Protein backbone atom coordinates (compact mmCIF):
# COMPACT_ATOMS: atom_id res chain seq x y z
CA UNK A 1 -0.34 0.00 -0.11
CA UNK A 2 1.61 3.43 -0.99
CA UNK A 3 2.53 5.50 2.13
CA UNK A 4 0.45 8.81 1.06
CA UNK A 5 -2.90 7.01 2.16
CA UNK A 6 -1.82 5.90 5.49
CA UNK A 7 -2.62 9.25 6.44
CA UNK A 8 -6.32 9.29 5.55
CA UNK A 9 -6.43 5.65 7.73
CA UNK A 10 -5.11 7.45 10.33
CA UNK A 11 -7.69 9.92 11.26
CA UNK A 12 -9.82 7.12 12.69
CA UNK A 13 -7.66 6.24 15.15
CA UNK A 14 -6.22 9.41 16.10
CA UNK A 15 -10.20 10.25 16.86
CA UNK A 16 -10.04 7.39 18.97
CA UNK A 17 -6.97 8.12 20.92
CA UNK A 18 -8.51 11.72 21.38
CA UNK A 19 -11.83 10.21 22.66
CA UNK A 20 -9.89 7.73 24.63
CA UNK A 21 -7.67 10.12 26.20
CA UNK A 22 -10.84 12.17 27.10
CA UNK A 23 -12.57 9.47 28.88
CA UNK A 24 -9.35 8.69 30.70
CA UNK A 25 -8.73 12.11 32.14
CA UNK A 26 -12.42 12.27 32.89
CA UNK A 27 -12.27 9.09 35.00
CA UNK A 28 -9.31 9.47 37.04
CA UNK A 29 -10.52 12.19 39.18
CA UNK A 30 -6.71 12.89 40.50
CA UNK A 31 -4.61 15.22 39.11
CA UNK A 32 -1.55 13.00 38.68
CA UNK A 33 -3.56 10.80 36.50
CA UNK A 34 -4.89 13.19 34.44
CA UNK A 35 -1.31 14.07 34.17
CA UNK A 36 -0.15 11.13 33.08
CA UNK A 37 -3.07 10.19 30.36
CA UNK A 38 -2.51 13.87 28.72
CA UNK A 39 1.32 13.19 28.79
CA UNK A 40 0.80 9.89 26.89
CA UNK A 41 -1.49 11.98 24.11
CA UNK A 42 1.35 14.51 24.06
CA UNK A 43 4.02 11.95 23.39
CA UNK A 44 1.62 10.16 20.69
CA UNK A 45 1.20 13.55 18.93
CA UNK A 46 4.60 14.47 18.98
CA UNK A 47 5.67 11.10 17.39
CA UNK A 48 3.14 11.59 14.45
CA UNK A 49 4.00 15.24 13.97
CA UNK A 50 7.44 14.16 13.85
CA UNK A 51 6.84 11.43 11.43
CA UNK A 52 4.87 13.91 9.26
CA UNK A 53 7.71 16.24 9.17
CA UNK A 54 10.21 13.45 7.87
CA UNK A 55 7.38 12.51 5.01
CA UNK A 56 7.03 15.99 3.79
CA UNK A 57 10.67 16.07 2.83
CA UNK A 58 10.23 13.08 0.74
CA UNK A 59 6.98 14.94 -0.92
CA UNK A 60 8.74 17.88 -2.64
CA UNK A 61 8.31 17.13 -5.83
CA UNK A 62 6.72 14.15 -8.07
CA UNK A 63 10.32 13.04 -9.07
CA UNK A 64 11.47 12.37 -5.28
CA UNK A 65 8.34 11.16 -4.23
CA UNK A 66 8.74 8.43 -7.02
CA UNK A 67 12.26 7.82 -6.32
CA UNK A 68 11.18 7.17 -2.62
CA UNK A 69 8.47 4.57 -4.19
CA UNK A 70 11.33 2.62 -6.01
CA UNK A 71 13.55 2.58 -3.14
CA UNK A 72 11.01 1.36 -0.65
CA UNK A 73 10.41 -1.34 -3.54
CA UNK A 74 12.57 -1.64 -6.24
CA UNK A 75 10.33 -4.17 -8.15
CA UNK A 76 7.62 -1.51 -8.47
CA UNK A 77 7.22 -1.33 -12.00
CA UNK A 78 4.59 1.20 -12.05
CA UNK A 79 6.59 3.67 -10.15
CA UNK A 80 9.35 2.73 -12.15
CA UNK A 81 7.27 3.70 -15.40
CA UNK A 82 5.83 7.29 -13.78
CA UNK A 83 9.64 8.39 -12.62
CA UNK A 84 10.80 7.32 -15.81
CA UNK A 85 7.99 10.04 -17.16
CA UNK A 86 9.41 12.28 -14.42
CA UNK A 87 12.86 12.24 -15.68
CA UNK A 88 11.61 12.54 -19.43
CA UNK A 89 10.39 15.66 -18.74
CA UNK A 90 13.40 17.02 -16.82
CA UNK A 91 15.15 16.23 -20.69
CA UNK A 92 16.77 13.30 -19.25
CA UNK A 93 16.34 10.44 -21.60
CA UNK A 94 18.66 8.49 -20.74
CA UNK A 95 17.62 8.40 -16.66
CA UNK A 96 14.52 7.77 -18.08
CA UNK A 97 15.05 5.03 -21.14
CA UNK A 98 16.52 2.90 -17.91
CA UNK A 99 13.15 3.18 -16.09
CA UNK A 100 10.96 2.40 -18.46
CA UNK A 101 12.88 -0.58 -19.26
CA UNK A 102 13.39 -1.59 -15.85
CA UNK A 103 9.09 -1.37 -15.82
CA UNK A 104 8.14 -3.29 -18.64
CA UNK A 105 10.70 -6.41 -17.97
CA UNK A 106 9.20 -6.57 -14.30
CA UNK A 107 5.84 -6.76 -16.28
CA UNK A 108 6.12 -7.34 -19.78
CA UNK A 109 2.42 -6.79 -20.37
CA UNK A 110 2.79 -3.21 -19.53
CA UNK A 111 2.89 -1.74 -23.09
CA UNK A 112 2.92 1.87 -22.01
CA UNK A 113 6.25 1.46 -20.41
CA UNK A 114 7.68 0.07 -23.52
CA UNK A 115 6.59 2.61 -25.39
CA UNK A 116 7.95 5.41 -23.33
CA UNK A 117 11.19 3.33 -23.44
CA UNK A 118 10.68 3.72 -27.47
CA UNK A 119 10.22 7.01 -27.01
CA UNK A 120 13.20 7.80 -24.88
CA UNK A 121 15.42 5.80 -27.19
CA UNK A 122 14.36 7.83 -30.09
CA UNK A 123 14.67 11.05 -27.93
CA UNK A 124 18.61 9.73 -27.73
CA UNK A 125 18.54 9.35 -31.47
CA UNK A 126 18.47 5.47 -31.28
CA UNK A 127 15.86 5.64 -34.13
CA UNK A 128 16.29 1.98 -35.38
CA UNK A 129 15.92 0.95 -32.12
CA UNK A 130 12.88 2.57 -31.14
CA UNK A 131 11.45 1.25 -34.48
CA UNK A 132 11.76 -1.94 -33.66
CA UNK A 133 10.17 -1.85 -30.39
CA UNK A 134 7.57 0.47 -31.99
CA UNK A 135 6.85 -2.77 -34.30
CA UNK A 136 7.02 -5.38 -30.95
CA UNK A 137 4.24 -3.33 -29.64
CA UNK A 138 1.65 -3.13 -32.44
CA UNK A 139 2.32 -6.83 -33.13
CA UNK A 140 1.24 -7.62 -29.52
CA UNK A 141 -1.69 -4.62 -29.49
CA UNK A 142 -2.60 -3.49 -32.60
CA UNK A 143 -4.96 -0.67 -31.58
CA UNK A 144 -2.34 1.05 -29.35
CA UNK A 145 -2.63 4.38 -30.28
CA UNK A 146 0.56 5.39 -28.39
CA UNK A 147 2.66 3.44 -30.65
CA UNK A 148 1.21 4.73 -33.61
CA UNK A 149 1.49 8.43 -32.70
């Protein structure tokens, strides 16, 4: 599961934690019990604040997000393709082609990555190899529009 989705799932836990802290503080009438319960909640909130701050550094831009996804799981063909697209938009076709190739090697049916690989090869001037790949894509799926363009 992508780590960016855990924040939404954490909302329920934080609500339960807050409600639990409120019920604990109202249950304990003595001051030191309330201070202890509130201290636990503060420590947990500080922990989540620290983790959020750390995660925000990763999410500075699209490129760093996809690079992190690859670092977490190098076999994520989807992340390799989209990291390659960000590299291609940054005018780095050589680096992008490595990620496109890895994406379709990991998932041979992922024709979008294969087409992106062919496009990056054409950008680098490897027209014969790019043309061979485009023909290969069209032999697998004749109506794959991106390979016709």
